[in-house]
Amino acid sequence: HPTPYHAMALRLCLALGLARSAFAEGFFASVFRATFGSAGETERATVPATLGLEVAGSRAIALVPYNTTLPTSNSHVHEGKCPTDTQELSVLILADPEAAKLQLGELRLPCVDGAAVKLEQTLEVSGSGQLMLSLEDLSGNHPSHTLQQTFPSYERLCALLAPFREELKAANATLVQLRAALDAEKTESALLFSKYSEMEKDMESRGQQLWECLREASDSEQAAELTTEQLRQENEKRHAEAKDAMQAKSALEATAMQKQGELREKEAEVNLLDSEVSRLQSELESLGKEHWSVMREATSLEEAKESLASELRRTEGQASLWLGVSVTVALGLLGVLSFQRLRAGDAGDATEGGSIRRERQRLLRLLARVRKATDEPAAAQAEPSSAGKDAAKGSGFSFTVVYEPKAKPPLQRVRVQCPAVQEADVSIEVVFNGAVVNVDRKASPGIEPLTWSQKFQFSPDEGHFQFSDAETRLQYGVLELVFRAVEFHKRTFRFPEHFDMAYSDM
């Protein structure tokens, strides 16, 4: 039966034949711009027919759909092999490539027999209605090789189709509806054909059974009755099987619903587990950061310990030097006193003997102070090692004391490693030139409770240090205390003058 699409195709063929013999190329371009408009006008021009390409040995493809607004461009990559008979690759430009396949032009490319071909084909329609085909070789045989060619026949086609613009739109809409209806009919026909095939096979099997039954029934009436009974039983059996199948289907649907509910519950559990894993990962990252901070702190503590040890060794050397100087001075003074005593003889008075004793006592006190100054650096140097031993035994928290003389003012920095301790577990009692730290760590998963107390007090000979509240902090399991040096201001006290009658004012 003829359709609007057949009429449209007939008109296209007649119009194209007349156009090739009657009109010039410039006339069609002007008609196209006058009919479909240009790119600067209010109503944009559109493609009057679907444009596509067909490479030899492959099926046609549509690149620019019907009624696409100009300008437009679309590309497609073709992969295949070169024909062995022609040694040329033919590329056809088609209007309506899926049905009418109206040829607008052809482009032939030389190629090698059986060689792989990979071309990027680009159809571009400018705003003025000029059709251009670009071919780019992607196979690597001819790098950066691109061919471009325009096709004036497209402009002639647009000019010929201009009077039938509305009819083409209506025909295209009708064609789309017919194709949709045809697809639906094809699908329905396929279903009906499959059902018909199944019924035909069933009828054949049933016919064979009936013929067998008829042959058996021809022998006797009893055989016919028996055959009838068998057919009835077979029918009942099939009804029972259908009923069982329906019940099985209902049971399967119920089971599927139950499985879906269980699946949703599992998905909820998986979401909870994902959130828990995310939380554990964040905790692991925080623990890793804490571990690295503790390691960096331990490294800084070791460096401070080494600097303190070197400072103590230097102080010990200075103390030894001053001890030698003091002993030399003391021996010199003792020699002088002995010489004076020999000169004075036994006739010395009690006053001179008392002065000698006083000088001797002063020398002894000086020697005692020198020995004390010599022993204190050694004790201070041994004190960190004893603290390290206590920490190694597990009796409490390990700590270090670092003196920073270059700070302004100088300070003593105490660091205590106390993991899993909160700020509420720490109390600090400030004493003269130091502080007493009390820690009461609570029990937690994997952490045992611990009560720990340590007194940090500096010698007055080292200076006067005051506890700094603002610089005390507990971070990453390390408690840090800071004692700032406070300068002592020396002053002299004198009694005020009083008028006394016991003295003469003469």
Foldseek 3Di string as FASTA:
>chain_A
DDDLVNVVLVLLVVLLVCLVPPDDLVVLLVLLCVQQNFCPDPRFGFQQFFKWKDKPPDAIDTFHHGGHGPFDKGKDKDKDFQAQPPQKIKMFIATNRPPSRHTQDIDIDGHDHGDIFIWIWMWTAHRSGKIKIKIATPPPPDPPDMDMDIGSSRSSSSSSCSVVRVVSVVSVVVVVVVVVVVVVVVVVVVVVVVVVVVVVVVVVVVVVLVVVQVVQCVVDVVSNVVSVVVVVVVVVVVVVVVVVVVVVVVVVVVVVVVVVVVVVVVVVVVVVVVVVVVVVVVVVVVVVVLVVVVVVVVVVLVVLLVVLLVVLVVQLVVLVVVLVVLVVVLVVVVVVLVVVDVVCDPVDDPVSVVVSVVVVVVSVVVNVVSVVSNVVSVVVNCVLVVLVVCVVVVVDWGKGWGWDVPDVHTKIKIKTQAPQFDPVQWDWADDWQWIKIWGFHDDDVVDDTDTDIDTDHDDCVVAGWAWDPVPWDADSRMTMTMTGGDDDDDDDDDDDDDDDPVDDPD
